[in-house]
PDB file of N, CA and C in Angstrom:
ATOM      1  N   MET A   1     -30.156 -42.645  90.650  1.00  0.00           N
ATOM      2  CA  MET A   1     -31.549 -42.025  90.099  1.00  0.00           C
ATOM      3  C   MET A   1     -31.251 -40.614  89.339  1.00  0.00           C
ATOM      4  N   LEU A   2     -32.026 -40.707  88.183  1.00  0.00           N
ATOM      5  CA  LEU A   2     -31.785 -39.677  87.199  1.00  0.00           C
ATOM      6  C   LEU A   2     -32.479 -38.389  87.490  1.00  0.00           C
ATOM      7  N   PRO A   3     -32.336 -37.489  87.190  1.00  0.00           N
ATOM      8  CA  PRO A   3     -33.032 -35.976  87.765  1.00  0.00           C
ATOM      9  C   PRO A   3     -34.059 -36.131  86.649  1.00  0.00           C
ATOM     10  N   ASN A   4     -34.971 -35.174  86.916  1.00  0.00           N
ATOM     11  CA  ASN A   4     -36.553 -35.174  86.129  1.00  0.00           C
ATOM     12  C   ASN A   4     -35.842 -34.147  84.864  1.00  0.00           C
ATOM     13  N   THR A   5     -36.065 -35.079  83.607  1.00  0.00           N
ATOM     14  CA  THR A   5     -35.375 -34.527  82.245  1.00  0.00           C
ATOM     15  C   THR A   5     -36.150 -32.993  81.896  1.00  0.00           C
ATOM     16  N   THR A   6     -37.220 -32.971  82.245  1.00  0.00           N
ATOM     17  CA  THR A   6     -37.767 -31.353  82.314  1.00  0.00           C
ATOM     18  C   THR A   6     -37.078 -30.698  83.061  1.00  0.00           C
ATOM     19  N   ALA A   7     -36.857 -30.629  84.416  1.00  0.00           N
ATOM     20  CA  ALA A   7     -35.877 -30.039  85.074  1.00  0.00           C
ATOM     21  C   ALA A   7     -34.473 -29.551  84.594  1.00  0.00           C
ATOM     22  N   VAL A   8     -34.074 -30.783  83.938  1.00  0.00           N
ATOM     23  CA  VAL A   8     -32.706 -30.611  83.378  1.00  0.00           C
ATOM     24  C   VAL A   8     -32.931 -29.641  82.063  1.00  0.00           C
ATOM     25  N   ASP A   9     -33.804 -29.922  81.293  1.00  0.00           N
ATOM     26  CA  ASP A   9     -34.075 -29.008  80.089  1.00  0.00           C
ATOM     27  C   ASP A   9     -34.136 -27.589  80.402  1.00  0.00           C
ATOM     28  N   HIS A  10     -34.592 -27.267  81.545  1.00  0.00           N
ATOM     29  CA  HIS A  10     -35.153 -25.950  81.773  1.00  0.00           C
ATOM     30  C   HIS A  10     -33.977 -25.318  82.109  1.00  0.00           C
ATOM     31  N   ALA A  11     -32.848 -26.126  83.190  1.00  0.00           N
ATOM     32  CA  ALA A  11     -31.745 -25.560  83.364  1.00  0.00           C
ATOM     33  C   ALA A  11     -30.790 -25.496  82.454  1.00  0.00           C
ATOM     34  N   PHE A  12     -30.530 -26.447  81.246  1.00  0.00           N
ATOM     35  CA  PHE A  12     -29.793 -26.169  80.488  1.00  0.00           C
ATOM     36  C   PHE A  12     -30.002 -25.004  79.467  1.00  0.00           C
ATOM     37  N   SER A  13     -31.551 -24.807  79.214  1.00  0.00           N
ATOM     38  CA  SER A  13     -32.023 -23.855  78.288  1.00  0.00           C
ATOM     39  C   SER A  13     -31.697 -22.390  79.027  1.00  0.00           C
ATOM     40  N   ALA A  14     -31.926 -22.391  80.471  1.00  0.00           N
ATOM     41  CA  ALA A  14     -31.656 -21.053  81.149  1.00  0.00           C
ATOM     42  C   ALA A  14     -29.920 -20.816  81.132  1.00  0.00           C
ATOM     43  N   LEU A  15     -29.371 -21.565  81.193  1.00  0.00           N
ATOM     44  CA  LEU A  15     -27.819 -21.437  81.466  1.00  0.00           C
ATOM     45  C   LEU A  15     -27.261 -21.234  79.640  1.00  0.00           C
ATOM     46  N   ALA A  16     -28.328 -21.395  78.897  1.00  0.00           N
ATOM     47  CA  ALA A  16     -27.518 -21.236  77.538  1.00  0.00           C
ATOM     48  C   ALA A  16     -27.257 -19.880  77.294  1.00  0.00           C
ATOM     49  N   HIS A  17     -27.541 -18.810  78.158  1.00  0.00           N
ATOM     50  CA  HIS A  17     -27.338 -17.376  77.693  1.00  0.00           C
ATOM     51  C   HIS A  17     -26.291 -17.022  78.678  1.00  0.00           C
ATOM     52  N   PRO A  18     -25.367 -16.346  78.082  1.00  0.00           N
ATOM     53  CA  PRO A  18     -24.017 -15.904  78.838  1.00  0.00           C
ATOM     54  C   PRO A  18     -24.360 -14.804  80.125  1.00  0.00           C
ATOM     55  N   VAL A  19     -25.162 -14.155  80.206  1.00  0.00           N
ATOM     56  CA  VAL A  19     -25.653 -13.145  81.088  1.00  0.00           C
ATOM     57  C   VAL A  19     -26.053 -14.261  82.380  1.00  0.00           C
ATOM     58  N   ARG A  20     -26.965 -15.254  81.989  1.00  0.00           N
ATOM     59  CA  ARG A  20     -27.380 -15.902  83.317  1.00  0.00           C
ATOM     60  C   ARG A  20     -26.460 -16.684  83.548  1.00  0.00           C
ATOM     61  N   ARG A  21     -25.501 -17.443  82.820  1.00  0.00           N
ATOM     62  CA  ARG A  21     -24.160 -18.216  83.338  1.00  0.00           C
ATOM     63  C   ARG A  21     -23.257 -17.219  84.358  1.00  0.00           C
ATOM     64  N   ALA A  22     -23.121 -15.884  83.912  1.00  0.00           N
ATOM     65  CA  ALA A  22     -22.435 -14.965  84.925  1.00  0.00           C
ATOM     66  C   ALA A  22     -23.193 -14.997  86.099  1.00  0.00           C
ATOM     67  N   ILE A  23     -24.544 -14.773  85.867  1.00  0.00           N
ATOM     68  CA  ILE A  23     -25.384 -14.590  87.331  1.00  0.00           C
ATOM     69  C   ILE A  23     -24.957 -15.806  88.035  1.00  0.00           C
ATOM     70  N   ILE A  24     -25.244 -16.804  87.484  1.00  0.00           N
ATOM     71  CA  ILE A  24     -24.590 -18.115  88.578  1.00  0.00           C
ATOM     72  C   ILE A  24     -23.319 -18.161  88.984  1.00  0.00           C
ATOM     73  N   ASP A  25     -22.513 -17.462  88.413  1.00  0.00           N
ATOM     74  CA  ASP A  25     -20.839 -17.462  88.721  1.00  0.00           C
ATOM     75  C   ASP A  25     -21.104 -16.871  89.923  1.00  0.00           C
ATOM     76  N   ARG A  26     -21.528 -15.311  89.781  1.00  0.00           N
ATOM     77  CA  ARG A  26     -21.440 -14.671  90.894  1.00  0.00           C
ATOM     78  C   ARG A  26     -22.491 -14.907  92.239  1.00  0.00           C
ATOM     79  N   LEU A  27     -23.483 -15.663  92.046  1.00  0.00           N
ATOM     80  CA  LEU A  27     -24.094 -15.907  93.260  1.00  0.00           C
ATOM     81  C   LEU A  27     -23.482 -17.099  93.992  1.00  0.00           C
ATOM     82  N   MET A  28     -22.301 -17.929  93.219  1.00  0.00           N
ATOM     83  CA  MET A  28     -21.494 -18.829  94.034  1.00  0.00           C
ATOM     84  C   MET A  28     -20.839 -18.278  95.051  1.00  0.00           C
ATOM     85  N   GLU A  29     -20.575 -16.958  94.779  1.00  0.00           N
ATOM     86  CA  GLU A  29     -19.899 -16.247  96.018  1.00  0.00           C
ATOM     87  C   GLU A  29     -20.739 -15.755  97.223  1.00  0.00           C
ATOM     88  N   GLY A  30     -22.051 -16.186  96.859  1.00  0.00           N
ATOM     89  CA  GLY A  30     -22.975 -15.428  98.348  1.00  0.00           C
ATOM     90  C   GLY A  30     -24.276 -14.699  97.592  1.00  0.00           C
ATOM     91  N   ASP A  31     -24.996 -14.703  98.218  1.00  0.00           N
ATOM     92  CA  ASP A  31     -26.541 -13.900  98.022  1.00  0.00           C
ATOM     93  C   ASP A  31     -26.217 -12.641  97.779  1.00  0.00           C
ATOM     94  N   LEU A  32     -26.935 -11.945  96.500  1.00  0.00           N
ATOM     95  CA  LEU A  32     -26.833 -10.607  95.914  1.00  0.00           C
ATOM     96  C   LEU A  32     -28.378 -10.192  95.936  1.00  0.00           C
ATOM     97  N   THR A  33     -28.553  -8.901  95.809  1.00  0.00           N
ATOM     98  CA  THR A  33     -29.833  -8.130  95.838  1.00  0.00           C
ATOM     99  C   THR A  33     -29.952  -8.220  93.958  1.00  0.00           C
ATOM    100  N   VAL A  34     -31.084  -7.907  93.459  1.00  0.00           N
ATOM    101  CA  VAL A  34     -31.302  -7.546  91.971  1.00  0.00           C
ATOM    102  C   VAL A  34     -30.258  -6.376  91.760  1.00  0.00           C
ATOM    103  N   GLY A  35     -30.292  -5.361  92.410  1.00  0.00           N
ATOM    104  CA  GLY A  35     -29.393  -4.492  91.985  1.00  0.00           C
ATOM    105  C   GLY A  35     -27.989  -4.660  91.887  1.00  0.00           C
ATOM    106  N   GLU A  36     -27.686  -5.397  92.656  1.00  0.00           N
ATOM    107  CA  GLU A  36     -26.190  -5.777  93.075  1.00  0.00           C
ATOM    108  C   GLU A  36     -26.154  -6.695  91.838  1.00  0.00           C
ATOM    109  N   ILE A  37     -26.781  -7.506  91.158  1.00  0.00           N
ATOM    110  CA  ILE A  37     -26.433  -8.417  90.133  1.00  0.00           C
ATOM    111  C   ILE A  37     -26.565  -7.426  88.934  1.00  0.00           C
ATOM    112  N   ALA A  38     -27.503  -6.351  88.798  1.00  0.00           N
ATOM    113  CA  ALA A  38     -27.342  -5.473  87.792  1.00  0.00           C
ATOM    114  C   ALA A  38     -26.475  -4.642  87.591  1.00  0.00           C
ATOM    115  N   ALA A  39     -25.576  -4.583  88.590  1.00  0.00           N
ATOM    116  CA  ALA A  39     -24.737  -3.468  88.415  1.00  0.00           C
ATOM    117  C   ALA A  39     -23.430  -3.519  87.589  1.00  0.00           C
ATOM    118  N   PRO A  40     -23.054  -4.792  87.238  1.00  0.00           N
ATOM    119  CA  PRO A  40     -21.804  -4.874  86.196  1.00  0.00           C
ATOM    120  C   PRO A  40     -22.426  -4.677  84.761  1.00  0.00           C
ATOM    121  N   TYR A  41     -23.618  -4.857  84.445  1.00  0.00           N
ATOM    122  CA  TYR A  41     -24.027  -4.798  83.200  1.00  0.00           C
ATOM    123  C   TYR A  41     -24.505  -3.445  82.860  1.00  0.00           C
ATOM    124  N   ASP A  42     -24.606  -3.481  81.469  1.00  0.00           N
ATOM    125  CA  ASP A  42     -25.304  -2.323  81.109  1.00  0.00           C
ATOM    126  C   ASP A  42     -27.004  -2.527  80.450  1.00  0.00           C
ATOM    127  N   MET A  43     -27.644  -2.837  81.645  1.00  0.00           N
ATOM    128  CA  MET A  43     -29.052  -3.194  81.680  1.00  0.00           C
ATOM    129  C   MET A  43     -29.768  -2.674  82.784  1.00  0.00           C
ATOM    130  N   LYS A  44     -30.929  -2.625  82.201  1.00  0.00           N
ATOM    131  CA  LYS A  44     -31.968  -1.934  83.558  1.00  0.00           C
ATOM    132  C   LYS A  44     -32.329  -3.121  84.480  1.00  0.00           C
ATOM    133  N   THR A  45     -32.760  -2.446  85.160  1.00  0.00           N
ATOM    134  CA  THR A  45     -33.287  -3.665  86.471  1.00  0.00           C
ATOM    135  C   THR A  45     -34.331  -4.821  85.853  1.00  0.00           C
ATOM    136  N   PRO A  46     -35.117  -4.209  85.042  1.00  0.00           N
ATOM    137  CA  PRO A  46     -36.330  -5.038  84.589  1.00  0.00           C
ATOM    138  C   PRO A  46     -35.569  -6.143  83.350  1.00  0.00           C
ATOM    139  N   SER A  47     -34.740  -5.944  82.761  1.00  0.00           N
ATOM    140  CA  SER A  47     -33.935  -6.657  81.913  1.00  0.00           C
ATOM    141  C   SER A  47     -33.396  -7.744  82.566  1.00  0.00           C
ATOM    142  N   ILE A  48     -32.655  -7.456  83.790  1.00  0.00           N
ATOM    143  CA  ILE A  48     -31.954  -8.320  84.732  1.00  0.00           C
ATOM    144  C   ILE A  48     -33.071  -9.430  85.298  1.00  0.00           C
ATOM    145  N   SER A  49     -34.212  -8.776  85.861  1.00  0.00           N
ATOM    146  CA  SER A  49     -35.393  -9.315  86.387  1.00  0.00           C
ATOM    147  C   SER A  49     -35.731 -10.696  85.244  1.00  0.00           C
ATOM    148  N   ARG A  50     -35.887 -10.230  84.393  1.00  0.00           N
ATOM    149  CA  ARG A  50     -36.327 -11.316  83.233  1.00  0.00           C
ATOM    150  C   ARG A  50     -35.236 -12.353  83.520  1.00  0.00           C
ATOM    151  N   HIS A  51     -33.906 -12.151  83.229  1.00  0.00           N
ATOM    152  CA  HIS A  51     -33.024 -13.428  83.517  1.00  0.00           C
ATOM    153  C   HIS A  51     -33.265 -13.881  84.785  1.00  0.00           C
ATOM    154  N   LEU A  52     -33.473 -13.514  85.607  1.00  0.00           N
ATOM    155  CA  LEU A  52     -33.512 -14.048  86.971  1.00  0.00           C
ATOM    156  C   LEU A  52     -34.852 -14.999  86.841  1.00  0.00           C
ATOM    157  N   LYS A  53     -35.832 -14.305  86.508  1.00  0.00           N
ATOM    158  CA  LYS A  53     -37.258 -15.003  86.258  1.00  0.00           C
ATOM    159  C   LYS A  53     -36.945 -16.538  85.593  1.00  0.00           C
ATOM    160  N   VAL A  54     -36.169 -16.293  84.495  1.00  0.00           N
ATOM    161  CA  VAL A  54     -35.847 -17.906  83.883  1.00  0.00           C
ATOM    162  C   VAL A  54     -34.835 -18.455  84.630  1.00  0.00           C
ATOM    163  N   LEU A  55     -33.961 -18.108  85.476  1.00  0.00           N
ATOM    164  CA  LEU A  55     -33.227 -18.983  86.553  1.00  0.00           C
ATOM    165  C   LEU A  55     -34.126 -19.523  87.524  1.00  0.00           C
ATOM    166  N   GLU A  56     -35.113 -18.624  87.830  1.00  0.00           N
ATOM    167  CA  GLU A  56     -35.789 -19.272  88.986  1.00  0.00           C
ATOM    168  C   GLU A  56     -36.976 -20.327  88.628  1.00  0.00           C
ATOM    169  N   HIS A  57     -37.330 -19.980  87.261  1.00  0.00           N
ATOM    170  CA  HIS A  57     -38.308 -21.160  86.419  1.00  0.00           C
ATOM    171  C   HIS A  57     -37.488 -22.281  86.321  1.00  0.00           C
ATOM    172  N   ALA A  58     -35.985 -22.196  86.280  1.00  0.00           N
ATOM    173  CA  ALA A  58     -35.221 -23.373  86.017  1.00  0.00           C
ATOM    174  C   ALA A  58     -35.062 -24.023  87.095  1.00  0.00           C
ATOM    175  N   ASN A  59     -35.325 -23.601  88.226  1.00  0.00           N
ATOM    176  CA  ASN A  59     -34.917 -23.997  90.059  1.00  0.00           C
ATOM    177  C   ASN A  59     -33.774 -23.861  90.184  1.00  0.00           C
ATOM    178  N   LEU A  60     -33.065 -22.727  89.289  1.00  0.00           N
ATOM    179  CA  LEU A  60     -31.586 -22.378  89.782  1.00  0.00           C
ATOM    180  C   LEU A  60     -31.228 -21.727  90.981  1.00  0.00           C
ATOM    181  N   ILE A  61     -32.329 -20.711  91.040  1.00  0.00           N
ATOM    182  CA  ILE A  61     -31.935 -19.546  91.666  1.00  0.00           C
ATOM    183  C   ILE A  61     -33.295 -19.343  92.695  1.00  0.00           C
ATOM    184  N   GLN A  62     -33.144 -18.755  93.836  1.00  0.00           N
ATOM    185  CA  GLN A  62     -34.280 -18.667  94.680  1.00  0.00           C
ATOM    186  C   GLN A  62     -34.187 -17.324  95.203  1.00  0.00           C
ATOM    187  N   ARG A  63     -35.421 -16.540  95.039  1.00  0.00           N
ATOM    188  CA  ARG A  63     -35.496 -15.078  95.643  1.00  0.00           C
ATOM    189  C   ARG A  63     -36.536 -14.796  96.907  1.00  0.00           C
ATOM    190  N   THR A  64     -36.038 -13.977  97.629  1.00  0.00           N
ATOM    191  CA  THR A  64     -36.574 -13.712  98.595  1.00  0.00           C
ATOM    192  C   THR A  64     -36.489 -12.308  98.767  1.00  0.00           C
ATOM    193  N   LEU A  65     -37.959 -11.870  99.717  1.00  0.00           N
ATOM    194  CA  LEU A  65     -38.205 -10.178  99.563  1.00  0.00           C
ATOM    195  C   LEU A  65     -37.465  -9.815 100.830  1.00  0.00           C
ATOM    196  N   GLU A  66     -36.486  -8.843 101.111  1.00  0.00           N
ATOM    197  CA  GLU A  66     -36.193  -8.142 102.449  1.00  0.00           C
ATOM    198  C   GLU A  66     -36.407  -6.807 102.225  1.00  0.00           C
ATOM    199  N   GLY A  67     -37.538  -6.238 102.751  1.00  0.00           N
ATOM    200  CA  GLY A  67     -38.452  -5.049 102.741  1.00  0.00           C
ATOM    201  C   GLY A  67     -38.432  -4.916 101.397  1.00  0.00           C
ATOM    202  N   ARG A  68     -37.768  -4.045 100.767  1.00  0.00           N
ATOM    203  CA  ARG A  68     -38.278  -3.614  99.463  1.00  0.00           C
ATOM    204  C   ARG A  68     -37.268  -4.237  98.303  1.00  0.00           C
ATOM    205  N   ASN A  69     -36.100  -4.984  98.807  1.00  0.00           N
ATOM    206  CA  ASN A  69     -34.911  -5.479  98.178  1.00  0.00           C
ATOM    207  C   ASN A  69     -35.529  -7.092  97.864  1.00  0.00           C
ATOM    208  N   HIS A  70     -35.145  -7.344  96.817  1.00  0.00           N
ATOM    209  CA  HIS A  70     -35.389  -9.155  96.367  1.00  0.00           C
ATOM    210  C   HIS A  70     -33.950  -9.558  96.502  1.00  0.00           C
ATOM    211  N   ARG A  71     -33.589 -10.501  97.272  1.00  0.00           N
ATOM    212  CA  ARG A  71     -32.398 -11.184  97.435  1.00  0.00           C
ATOM    213  C   ARG A  71     -32.262 -12.328  96.644  1.00  0.00           C
ATOM    214  N   CYS A  72     -31.378 -12.595  96.005  1.00  0.00           N
ATOM    215  CA  CYS A  72     -31.131 -13.977  94.897  1.00  0.00           C
ATOM    216  C   CYS A  72     -30.044 -14.751  95.784  1.00  0.00           C
ATOM    217  N   ARG A  73     -30.323 -15.949  95.680  1.00  0.00           N
ATOM    218  CA  ARG A  73     -29.401 -17.058  96.184  1.00  0.00           C
ATOM    219  C   ARG A  73     -29.529 -18.269  95.142  1.00  0.00           C
ATOM    220  N   LEU A  74     -28.262 -19.029  95.181  1.00  0.00           N
ATOM    221  CA  LEU A  74     -28.524 -20.153  94.404  1.00  0.00           C
ATOM    222  C   LEU A  74     -29.255 -21.306  94.975  1.00  0.00           C
ATOM    223  N   ASN A  75     -30.243 -22.194  94.386  1.00  0.00           N
ATOM    224  CA  ASN A  75     -31.009 -23.096  94.632  1.00  0.00           C
ATOM    225  C   ASN A  75     -29.927 -24.287  94.349  1.00  0.00           C
ATOM    226  N   LEU A  76     -29.677 -25.070  95.573  1.00  0.00           N
ATOM    227  CA  LEU A  76     -28.522 -25.889  95.520  1.00  0.00           C
ATOM    228  C   LEU A  76     -29.445 -27.117  94.671  1.00  0.00           C
ATOM    229  N   GLU A  77     -30.718 -27.555  95.035  1.00  0.00           N
ATOM    230  CA  GLU A  77     -31.379 -28.723  94.557  1.00  0.00           C
ATOM    231  C   GLU A  77     -31.343 -28.346  92.832  1.00  0.00           C
ATOM    232  N   GLY A  78     -31.810 -27.661  92.329  1.00  0.00           N
ATOM    233  CA  GLY A  78     -31.391 -27.428  90.949  1.00  0.00           C
ATOM    234  C   GLY A  78     -30.011 -27.262  90.518  1.00  0.00           C
ATOM    235  N   ILE A  79     -29.059 -27.020  90.972  1.00  0.00           N
ATOM    236  CA  ILE A  79     -27.473 -27.224  90.783  1.00  0.00           C
ATOM    237  C   ILE A  79     -27.256 -29.017  90.625  1.00  0.00           C
ATOM    238  N   ARG A  80     -27.666 -29.604  92.026  1.00  0.00           N
ATOM    239  CA  ARG A  80     -27.457 -30.913  91.930  1.00  0.00           C
ATOM    240  C   ARG A  80     -27.885 -31.513  90.920  1.00  0.00           C
ATOM    241  N   ALA A  81     -29.105 -31.344  90.312  1.00  0.00           N
ATOM    242  CA  ALA A  81     -29.731 -31.968  89.124  1.00  0.00           C
ATOM    243  C   ALA A  81     -28.967 -31.915  87.964  1.00  0.00           C
ATOM    244  N   ILE A  82     -28.421 -30.783  87.745  1.00  0.00           N
ATOM    245  CA  ILE A  82     -27.322 -30.714  86.531  1.00  0.00           C
ATOM    246  C   ILE A  82     -26.397 -31.395  86.855  1.00  0.00           C
ATOM    247  N   SER A  83     -25.667 -31.361  87.831  1.00  0.00           N
ATOM    248  CA  SER A  83     -24.511 -32.207  88.336  1.00  0.00           C
ATOM    249  C   SER A  83     -24.596 -33.615  88.171  1.00  0.00           C
ATOM    250  N   SER A  84     -25.776 -34.221  88.445  1.00  0.00           N
ATOM    251  CA  SER A  84     -26.238 -35.330  88.482  1.00  0.00           C
ATOM    252  C   SER A  84     -26.088 -36.001  86.997  1.00  0.00           C
ATOM    253  N   TRP A  85     -26.721 -35.267  86.350  1.00  0.00           N
ATOM    254  CA  TRP A  85     -26.797 -35.291  84.741  1.00  0.00           C
ATOM    255  C   TRP A  85     -25.457 -35.304  84.235  1.00  0.00           C
ATOM    256  N   VAL A  86     -24.530 -34.361  84.211  1.00  0.00           N
ATOM    257  CA  VAL A  86     -23.437 -34.281  83.741  1.00  0.00           C
ATOM    258  C   VAL A  86     -22.669 -35.482  84.428  1.00  0.00           C
ATOM    259  N   ALA A  87     -22.622 -35.775  85.231  1.00  0.00           N
ATOM    260  CA  ALA A  87     -21.914 -36.944  86.118  1.00  0.00           C
ATOM    261  C   ALA A  87     -21.919 -38.389  85.490  1.00  0.00           C
ATOM    262  N   ARG A  88     -23.455 -38.409  85.033  1.00  0.00           N
ATOM    263  CA  ARG A  88     -23.715 -39.676  84.261  1.00  0.00           C
ATOM    264  C   ARG A  88     -22.862 -39.742  82.822  1.00  0.00           C
ATOM    265  N   TYR A  89     -22.831 -38.553  82.298  1.00  0.00           N
ATOM    266  CA  TYR A  89     -22.050 -38.711  80.878  1.00  0.00           C
ATOM    267  C   TYR A  89     -20.810 -38.670  81.306  1.00  0.00           C
ATOM    268  N   GLU A  90     -20.286 -37.889  82.236  1.00  0.00           N
ATOM    269  CA  GLU A  90     -18.947 -37.965  82.365  1.00  0.00           C
ATOM    270  C   GLU A  90     -18.162 -39.303  82.720  1.00  0.00           C
ATOM    271  N   LYS A  91     -18.938 -40.123  83.412  1.00  0.00           N
ATOM    272  CA  LYS A  91     -18.663 -41.467  83.859  1.00  0.00           C
ATOM    273  C   LYS A  91     -18.546 -42.225  82.522  1.00  0.00           C
ATOM    274  N   PHE A  92     -19.810 -42.038  81.618  1.00  0.00           N
ATOM    275  CA  PHE A  92     -19.707 -42.431  80.452  1.00  0.00           C
ATOM    276  C   PHE A  92     -18.417 -42.289  79.437  1.00  0.00           C
ATOM    277  N   TRP A  93     -17.952 -41.259  79.371  1.00  0.00           N
ATOM    278  CA  TRP A  93     -17.032 -40.793  78.600  1.00  0.00           C
ATOM    279  C   TRP A  93     -15.867 -41.103  79.098  1.00  0.00           C
ATOM    280  N   THR A  94     -15.739 -40.847  80.266  1.00  0.00           N
ATOM    281  CA  THR A  94     -14.369 -41.333  80.690  1.00  0.00           C
ATOM    282  C   THR A  94     -14.016 -42.630  80.569  1.00  0.00           C
ATOM    283  N   GLY A  95     -14.950 -43.839  80.786  1.00  0.00           N
ATOM    284  CA  GLY A  95     -14.828 -44.954  80.316  1.00  0.00           C
ATOM    285  C   GLY A  95     -14.467 -45.235  78.826  1.00  0.00           C
ATOM    286  N   GLN A  96     -14.847 -44.356  78.053  1.00  0.00           N
ATOM    287  CA  GLN A  96     -14.647 -44.740  76.779  1.00  0.00           C
ATOM    288  C   GLN A  96     -13.445 -44.285  76.249  1.00  0.00           C
ATOM    289  N   LEU A  97     -12.956 -43.246  76.737  1.00  0.00           N
ATOM    290  CA  LEU A  97     -11.750 -42.666  76.430  1.00  0.00           C
ATOM    291  C   LEU A  97     -10.551 -43.385  77.114  1.00  0.00           C
ATOM    292  N   ASP A  98     -10.660 -43.940  78.500  1.00  0.00           N
ATOM    293  CA  ASP A  98      -9.873 -45.079  78.846  1.00  0.00           C
ATOM    294  C   ASP A  98      -9.640 -46.135  78.196  1.00  0.00           C
ATOM    295  N   ALA A  99     -10.941 -46.864  77.679  1.00  0.00           N
ATOM    296  CA  ALA A  99     -10.719 -47.884  76.626  1.00  0.00           C
ATOM    297  C   ALA A  99     -10.105 -47.693  75.243  1.00  0.00           C
ATOM    298  N   LEU A 100     -10.027 -46.364  75.012  1.00  0.00           N
ATOM    299  CA  LEU A 100      -9.371 -45.935  73.630  1.00  0.00           C
ATOM    300  C   LEU A 100      -7.691 -45.901  73.903  1.00  0.00           C
ATOM    301  N   GLU A 101      -7.718 -45.167  75.254  1.00  0.00           N
ATOM    302  CA  GLU A 101      -6.151 -45.251  75.489  1.00  0.00           C
ATOM    303  C   GLU A 101      -5.507 -46.564  75.647  1.00  0.00           C
ATOM    304  N   ARG A 102      -6.332 -47.594  76.401  1.00  0.00           N
ATOM    305  CA  ARG A 102      -5.987 -48.761  76.491  1.00  0.00           C
ATOM    306  C   ARG A 102      -5.572 -49.554  75.023  1.00  0.00           C
ATOM    307  N   PHE A 103      -6.499 -49.216  74.181  1.00  0.00           N
ATOM    308  CA  PHE A 103      -6.330 -49.696  72.846  1.00  0.00           C
ATOM    309  C   PHE A 103      -4.990 -49.268  72.077  1.00  0.00           C
ATOM    310  N   VAL A 104      -5.175 -47.714  72.161  1.00  0.00           N
ATOM    311  CA  VAL A 104      -4.063 -47.530  71.423  1.00  0.00           C
ATOM    312  C   VAL A 104      -2.525 -47.800  71.999  1.00  0.00           C
ATOM    313  N   GLU A 105      -2.641 -47.740  73.407  1.00  0.00           N
ATOM    314  CA  GLU A 105      -1.064 -48.582  73.979  1.00  0.00           C
ATOM    315  C   GLU A 105      -0.884 -49.871  73.801  1.00  0.00           C
ATOM    316  N   SER A 106      -2.043 -50.628  73.533  1.00  0.00           N
ATOM    317  CA  SER A 106      -1.709 -52.168  73.341  1.00  0.00           C
ATOM    318  C   SER A 106      -1.426 -52.277  71.770  1.00  0.00           C
ATOM    319  N   HIS A 107      -1.864 -51.422  70.604  1.00  0.00           N
ATOM    320  CA  HIS A 107      -1.398 -51.483  69.357  1.00  0.00           C
ATOM    321  C   HIS A 107      -0.753 -50.335  68.792  1.00  0.00           C
ATOM    322  N   PRO A 108       0.085 -50.068  69.156  1.00  0.00           N
ATOM    323  CA  PRO A 108       1.063 -48.954  68.745  1.00  0.00           C
ATOM    324  C   PRO A 108       0.780 -48.962  66.928  1.00  0.00           C
ATOM    325  N   GLN A 109       0.833 -50.052  66.417  1.00  0.00           N
ATOM    326  CA  GLN A 109       0.977 -50.297  65.098  1.00  0.00           C
ATOM    327  C   GLN A 109      -0.421 -49.684  64.518  1.00  0.00           C
ATOM    328  N   ALA A 110      -1.415 -49.550  65.061  1.00  0.00           N
ATOM    329  CA  ALA A 110      -2.658 -48.661  64.750  1.00  0.00           C
ATOM    330  C   ALA A 110      -2.493 -47.552  64.532  1.00  0.00           C
ATOM    331  N   MET A 111      -1.478 -46.920  65.169  1.00  0.00           N
ATOM    332  CA  MET A 111      -1.467 -45.143  65.242  1.00  0.00           C
ATOM    333  C   MET A 111      -0.479 -44.806  64.189  1.00  0.00           C
ATOM    334  N   ARG A 112       0.308 -45.830  63.270  1.00  0.00           N
ATOM    335  CA  ARG A 112       1.337 -45.253  62.111  1.00  0.00           C
ATOM    336  C   ARG A 112       0.558 -44.553  60.903  1.00  0.00           C
ATOM    337  N   HIS A 113       1.145 -43.841  60.591  1.00  0.00           N
ATOM    338  CA  HIS A 113       0.667 -43.092  59.473  1.00  0.00           C
ATOM    339  C   HIS A 113       1.528 -43.293  58.462  1.00  0.00           C
ATOM    340  N   GLU A 114       1.528 -44.135  57.314  1.00  0.00           N
ATOM    341  CA  GLU A 114       2.204 -44.512  56.402  1.00  0.00           C
ATOM    342  C   GLU A 114       1.608 -43.475  55.068  1.00  0.00           C
TER     343      GLU A 114
END
């Protein structure tokens, strides 16, 4: 079954920004507060919060409130949607490249440059 294309569109749009990809990478290590996410960047918390809202809208992260702190974690459902989409194309291109390799191996004369 294919993931919802709107969900995949939102996910790829969210991941188009390098800061958001870096946030996802950091959250792979475990949950972080907004302040912990903002720490390595030369950005104020509101700027990081805007990035987090985009990731939330794309269903890639979840935020929970612990006292006054917002804690963020990866949303595996959203990550799986991307993974499923990519896997479909990976299978296709692997098959295409395997067929090309078989052709080249069985037709070495086709690769000669004269």
